[in-house]
N, C-alpha and C. Protein backbone atom coordinates (compact mmCIF):
# COMPACT_ATOMS: atom_id res chain seq x y z
N VAL A 1 24.73 -26.17 42.16
CA VAL A 1 25.36 -25.19 41.29
C VAL A 1 25.58 -25.85 39.94
N LEU A 2 25.02 -25.23 38.90
CA LEU A 2 25.14 -25.75 37.55
C LEU A 2 26.28 -25.12 36.78
N ASP A 3 26.54 -23.84 37.04
CA ASP A 3 27.58 -23.12 36.30
C ASP A 3 28.05 -21.95 37.14
N PHE A 4 29.30 -21.55 36.90
CA PHE A 4 29.91 -20.46 37.66
C PHE A 4 30.86 -19.72 36.73
N GLU A 5 30.77 -18.38 36.73
CA GLU A 5 31.70 -17.59 35.93
C GLU A 5 31.97 -16.26 36.61
N ILE A 6 33.12 -15.69 36.31
CA ILE A 6 33.49 -14.36 36.78
C ILE A 6 33.25 -13.39 35.63
N THR A 7 32.49 -12.34 35.88
CA THR A 7 32.16 -11.37 34.83
C THR A 7 33.34 -10.43 34.62
N GLU A 8 33.28 -9.63 33.56
CA GLU A 8 34.34 -8.65 33.28
C GLU A 8 34.44 -7.62 34.39
N GLU A 9 33.35 -7.38 35.12
CA GLU A 9 33.37 -6.42 36.23
C GLU A 9 33.97 -7.02 37.49
N GLY A 10 34.24 -8.32 37.47
CA GLY A 10 34.84 -8.99 38.63
C GLY A 10 33.85 -9.59 39.61
N SER A 11 32.58 -9.58 39.25
CA SER A 11 31.59 -10.22 40.12
C SER A 11 31.34 -11.65 39.67
N ALA A 12 30.71 -12.42 40.53
CA ALA A 12 30.44 -13.82 40.21
C ALA A 12 29.03 -13.97 39.67
N LYS A 13 28.89 -14.82 38.67
CA LYS A 13 27.59 -15.17 38.13
C LYS A 13 27.44 -16.66 38.30
N VAL A 14 26.45 -17.07 39.09
CA VAL A 14 26.27 -18.47 39.43
C VAL A 14 24.90 -18.93 38.94
N LYS A 15 24.88 -20.04 38.24
CA LYS A 15 23.61 -20.61 37.79
C LYS A 15 23.32 -21.80 38.69
N VAL A 16 22.14 -21.77 39.33
CA VAL A 16 21.79 -22.85 40.26
C VAL A 16 20.44 -23.44 39.89
N ARG A 17 20.23 -24.64 40.34
CA ARG A 17 18.91 -25.27 40.18
C ARG A 17 18.30 -25.34 41.57
N ILE A 18 17.08 -24.85 41.69
CA ILE A 18 16.37 -24.88 42.96
C ILE A 18 15.17 -25.81 42.81
N ASP A 19 15.06 -26.79 43.66
CA ASP A 19 13.99 -27.76 43.60
C ASP A 19 12.65 -27.02 43.68
N SER A 20 11.69 -27.46 42.88
CA SER A 20 10.39 -26.77 42.78
C SER A 20 9.60 -26.86 44.09
N LYS A 21 9.98 -27.74 44.99
CA LYS A 21 9.26 -27.81 46.27
C LYS A 21 9.55 -26.59 47.16
N TYR A 22 10.61 -25.80 46.82
CA TYR A 22 10.93 -24.61 47.58
C TYR A 22 10.31 -23.39 46.90
N ILE A 23 9.64 -22.58 47.68
CA ILE A 23 9.02 -21.37 47.15
C ILE A 23 10.00 -20.22 47.30
N VAL A 24 10.44 -19.69 46.17
CA VAL A 24 11.39 -18.57 46.16
C VAL A 24 10.71 -17.40 45.47
N ARG A 25 10.67 -16.27 46.14
CA ARG A 25 9.92 -15.12 45.64
C ARG A 25 10.86 -13.98 45.25
N HIS A 26 10.36 -13.09 44.39
CA HIS A 26 11.09 -11.89 44.04
C HIS A 26 11.40 -11.11 45.33
N GLY A 27 12.56 -10.49 45.36
CA GLY A 27 12.97 -9.77 46.56
C GLY A 27 13.83 -10.60 47.46
N CYS A 28 13.98 -11.89 47.14
CA CYS A 28 14.88 -12.73 47.93
C CYS A 28 16.33 -12.35 47.60
N ALA A 29 17.26 -12.86 48.35
CA ALA A 29 18.68 -12.59 48.10
C ALA A 29 19.48 -13.83 48.45
N VAL A 30 20.66 -13.92 47.90
CA VAL A 30 21.54 -15.06 48.15
C VAL A 30 22.89 -14.56 48.64
N ARG A 31 23.50 -15.34 49.52
CA ARG A 31 24.85 -15.00 50.00
C ARG A 31 25.62 -16.31 50.17
N VAL A 32 26.94 -16.21 50.04
CA VAL A 32 27.81 -17.37 50.28
C VAL A 32 28.19 -17.34 51.75
N VAL A 33 27.95 -18.45 52.44
CA VAL A 33 28.27 -18.55 53.86
C VAL A 33 29.06 -19.83 54.11
N SER A 34 29.70 -19.92 55.26
CA SER A 34 30.47 -21.10 55.64
C SER A 34 29.80 -21.79 56.81
N THR A 35 30.06 -23.09 56.94
CA THR A 35 29.51 -23.84 58.07
C THR A 35 30.30 -23.56 59.35
N GLY A 36 31.40 -22.87 59.26
CA GLY A 36 32.23 -22.53 60.42
C GLY A 36 33.46 -21.80 59.95
N PHE A 37 34.45 -21.68 60.82
CA PHE A 37 35.67 -20.96 60.45
C PHE A 37 36.37 -21.59 59.27
N ILE A 38 36.39 -22.92 59.23
CA ILE A 38 37.07 -23.61 58.14
C ILE A 38 36.11 -24.54 57.39
N GLY A 39 34.82 -24.25 57.53
CA GLY A 39 33.81 -25.14 56.97
C GLY A 39 33.56 -24.97 55.49
N THR A 40 32.73 -25.86 54.99
CA THR A 40 32.32 -25.85 53.60
C THR A 40 31.46 -24.63 53.33
N LYS A 41 31.61 -24.07 52.15
CA LYS A 41 30.81 -22.91 51.77
C LYS A 41 29.53 -23.39 51.06
N TYR A 42 28.45 -22.66 51.28
CA TYR A 42 27.20 -22.98 50.61
C TYR A 42 26.43 -21.69 50.35
N LEU A 43 25.41 -21.78 49.53
CA LEU A 43 24.56 -20.62 49.21
C LEU A 43 23.39 -20.58 50.18
N GLN A 44 23.20 -19.42 50.81
CA GLN A 44 22.06 -19.22 51.72
C GLN A 44 21.09 -18.28 51.03
N LEU A 45 19.86 -18.70 50.95
CA LEU A 45 18.83 -17.94 50.24
C LEU A 45 17.85 -17.37 51.24
N SER A 46 17.66 -16.04 51.20
CA SER A 46 16.63 -15.42 52.06
C SER A 46 15.29 -15.63 51.39
N VAL A 47 14.22 -15.58 52.17
CA VAL A 47 12.90 -15.92 51.62
C VAL A 47 12.27 -14.82 50.80
N GLY A 48 12.60 -13.58 51.06
CA GLY A 48 11.98 -12.49 50.31
C GLY A 48 10.60 -12.15 50.84
N ASP A 49 9.92 -11.29 50.14
CA ASP A 49 8.59 -10.81 50.53
C ASP A 49 7.56 -11.91 50.25
N PRO A 50 6.85 -12.38 51.29
CA PRO A 50 5.88 -13.47 51.08
C PRO A 50 4.73 -13.11 50.14
N SER A 51 4.51 -11.80 49.90
CA SER A 51 3.43 -11.40 49.00
C SER A 51 3.93 -11.20 47.56
N ALA A 52 5.24 -11.29 47.36
CA ALA A 52 5.81 -11.10 46.02
C ALA A 52 5.57 -12.35 45.17
N PRO A 53 5.55 -12.19 43.85
CA PRO A 53 5.36 -13.35 42.98
C PRO A 53 6.58 -14.27 43.02
N ARG A 54 6.34 -15.52 42.70
CA ARG A 54 7.44 -16.52 42.67
C ARG A 54 8.38 -16.19 41.52
N ILE A 55 9.65 -16.50 41.71
CA ILE A 55 10.59 -16.32 40.61
C ILE A 55 10.37 -17.44 39.60
N LYS A 56 10.75 -17.16 38.37
CA LYS A 56 10.61 -18.13 37.29
C LYS A 56 11.99 -18.59 36.85
N SER A 57 12.05 -19.67 36.14
CA SER A 57 13.30 -20.16 35.60
C SER A 57 13.98 -19.08 34.77
N GLY A 58 15.25 -18.83 35.04
CA GLY A 58 16.00 -17.81 34.31
C GLY A 58 16.03 -16.45 35.00
N ASP A 59 15.20 -16.25 36.04
CA ASP A 59 15.23 -14.99 36.78
C ASP A 59 16.55 -14.84 37.53
N THR A 60 16.88 -13.60 37.86
CA THR A 60 18.11 -13.29 38.58
C THR A 60 17.79 -13.01 40.03
N ILE A 61 18.63 -13.53 40.92
CA ILE A 61 18.50 -13.30 42.36
C ILE A 61 19.69 -12.43 42.79
N LYS A 62 19.41 -11.38 43.53
CA LYS A 62 20.45 -10.46 43.98
C LYS A 62 21.37 -11.16 44.99
N GLY A 63 22.67 -10.91 44.85
CA GLY A 63 23.65 -11.43 45.80
C GLY A 63 23.97 -10.41 46.87
N ILE A 64 24.24 -10.88 48.07
CA ILE A 64 24.64 -10.02 49.17
C ILE A 64 26.08 -10.36 49.54
N SER A 65 26.90 -9.34 49.67
CA SER A 65 28.31 -9.55 50.03
C SER A 65 28.41 -10.01 51.48
N SER A 66 29.30 -10.95 51.71
CA SER A 66 29.61 -11.42 53.06
C SER A 66 31.06 -11.13 53.34
N VAL A 67 31.38 -10.87 54.58
CA VAL A 67 32.77 -10.67 54.98
C VAL A 67 33.33 -12.03 55.35
N SER A 68 34.44 -12.41 54.72
CA SER A 68 35.06 -13.68 55.04
C SER A 68 35.93 -13.54 56.28
N ILE A 69 36.27 -14.65 56.89
CA ILE A 69 37.17 -14.63 58.04
C ILE A 69 38.51 -14.01 57.64
N GLU A 70 38.96 -14.31 56.43
CA GLU A 70 40.24 -13.76 55.97
C GLU A 70 40.18 -12.24 55.90
N GLU A 71 39.07 -11.71 55.37
CA GLU A 71 38.91 -10.25 55.29
C GLU A 71 38.83 -9.64 56.68
N LEU A 72 38.16 -10.32 57.58
CA LEU A 72 38.04 -9.82 58.95
C LEU A 72 39.42 -9.76 59.61
N LEU A 73 40.20 -10.81 59.44
CA LEU A 73 41.53 -10.82 60.04
C LEU A 73 42.43 -9.76 59.43
N GLU A 74 42.32 -9.56 58.12
CA GLU A 74 43.13 -8.51 57.48
C GLU A 74 42.75 -7.13 57.99
N SER A 75 41.48 -6.95 58.35
CA SER A 75 41.04 -5.65 58.86
C SER A 75 41.59 -5.38 60.26
N LEU A 76 42.05 -6.43 60.94
CA LEU A 76 42.62 -6.28 62.27
C LEU A 76 44.14 -6.18 62.16
N ASN A 77 44.60 -5.23 61.39
CA ASN A 77 46.03 -5.07 61.12
C ASN A 77 46.74 -4.53 62.37
N PRO A 78 47.63 -5.33 62.99
CA PRO A 78 48.28 -4.87 64.22
C PRO A 78 49.18 -3.67 64.00
N GLU A 79 49.64 -3.44 62.79
CA GLU A 79 50.50 -2.28 62.52
C GLU A 79 49.75 -0.97 62.68
N GLU A 80 48.45 -1.01 62.45
CA GLU A 80 47.64 0.19 62.56
C GLU A 80 47.04 0.33 63.95
N GLY A 81 47.31 -0.64 64.81
CA GLY A 81 46.75 -0.61 66.16
C GLY A 81 45.39 -1.25 66.19
N GLU A 82 45.14 -2.03 67.20
CA GLU A 82 43.86 -2.71 67.35
C GLU A 82 43.14 -2.19 68.58
N ASP A 83 41.85 -2.16 68.51
CA ASP A 83 41.11 -1.86 69.73
C ASP A 83 41.00 -3.15 70.54
N HIS A 84 40.44 -3.07 71.71
CA HIS A 84 40.35 -4.24 72.59
C HIS A 84 39.58 -5.39 71.94
N ALA A 85 38.47 -5.08 71.29
CA ALA A 85 37.66 -6.13 70.65
C ALA A 85 38.45 -6.82 69.54
N GLY A 86 39.20 -6.04 68.77
CA GLY A 86 40.01 -6.62 67.70
C GLY A 86 41.07 -7.56 68.24
N LYS A 87 41.75 -7.16 69.31
CA LYS A 87 42.78 -8.01 69.92
C LYS A 87 42.15 -9.28 70.50
N THR A 88 41.01 -9.13 71.14
CA THR A 88 40.32 -10.29 71.72
C THR A 88 39.92 -11.27 70.63
N LEU A 89 39.39 -10.78 69.52
CA LEU A 89 39.00 -11.65 68.41
C LEU A 89 40.21 -12.35 67.83
N ARG A 90 41.29 -11.63 67.65
CA ARG A 90 42.53 -12.23 67.13
C ARG A 90 43.02 -13.32 68.07
N ASP A 91 42.99 -13.08 69.38
CA ASP A 91 43.41 -14.09 70.37
C ASP A 91 42.53 -15.32 70.30
N ILE A 92 41.22 -15.13 70.18
CA ILE A 92 40.29 -16.27 70.09
C ILE A 92 40.59 -17.09 68.84
N LEU A 93 40.79 -16.44 67.71
CA LEU A 93 41.06 -17.17 66.48
C LEU A 93 42.39 -17.89 66.55
N ASN A 94 43.39 -17.30 67.17
CA ASN A 94 44.68 -17.97 67.35
C ASN A 94 44.52 -19.20 68.25
N ASN A 95 43.70 -19.11 69.29
CA ASN A 95 43.45 -20.26 70.16
C ASN A 95 42.75 -21.38 69.38
N ILE A 96 41.76 -21.03 68.57
CA ILE A 96 41.07 -22.03 67.77
C ILE A 96 42.04 -22.71 66.80
N ARG A 97 42.89 -21.90 66.16
CA ARG A 97 43.87 -22.44 65.23
C ARG A 97 44.79 -23.41 65.96
N SER A 98 45.24 -23.07 67.15
CA SER A 98 46.13 -23.91 67.94
C SER A 98 45.44 -25.22 68.32
N ILE A 99 44.19 -25.14 68.73
CA ILE A 99 43.44 -26.34 69.14
C ILE A 99 43.22 -27.26 67.94
N THR A 100 42.83 -26.71 66.80
CA THR A 100 42.55 -27.56 65.63
C THR A 100 43.81 -28.20 65.08
N ARG A 101 44.96 -27.59 65.25
CA ARG A 101 46.21 -28.23 64.82
C ARG A 101 46.49 -29.49 65.62
N LYS A 102 46.05 -29.52 66.88
CA LYS A 102 46.30 -30.66 67.76
C LYS A 102 45.33 -31.81 67.52
N MET A 103 44.30 -31.59 66.73
CA MET A 103 43.27 -32.61 66.50
C MET A 103 43.75 -33.63 65.49
């Protein structure tokens, strides 16, 4: 990552350098992902259409929104009632939190 800024619209604009040994084509997309629940975040690049032309320096790559763990947990608001899957997920995450505190 070479540069990062928040636009007036509230979206992120990230300038990255991609090694020329990687073939990146138009139609690819990028998303921010984590290595785990509390892991480091990194940029994941989809390959795009193999028949599309290669992107050039200065081209823009479309970003894809990802749901963070925090957003997922907020969506499981117990005040509004949870379905069985929501309660199970919350229990699993609480167990993971408890285990990692003991490490």
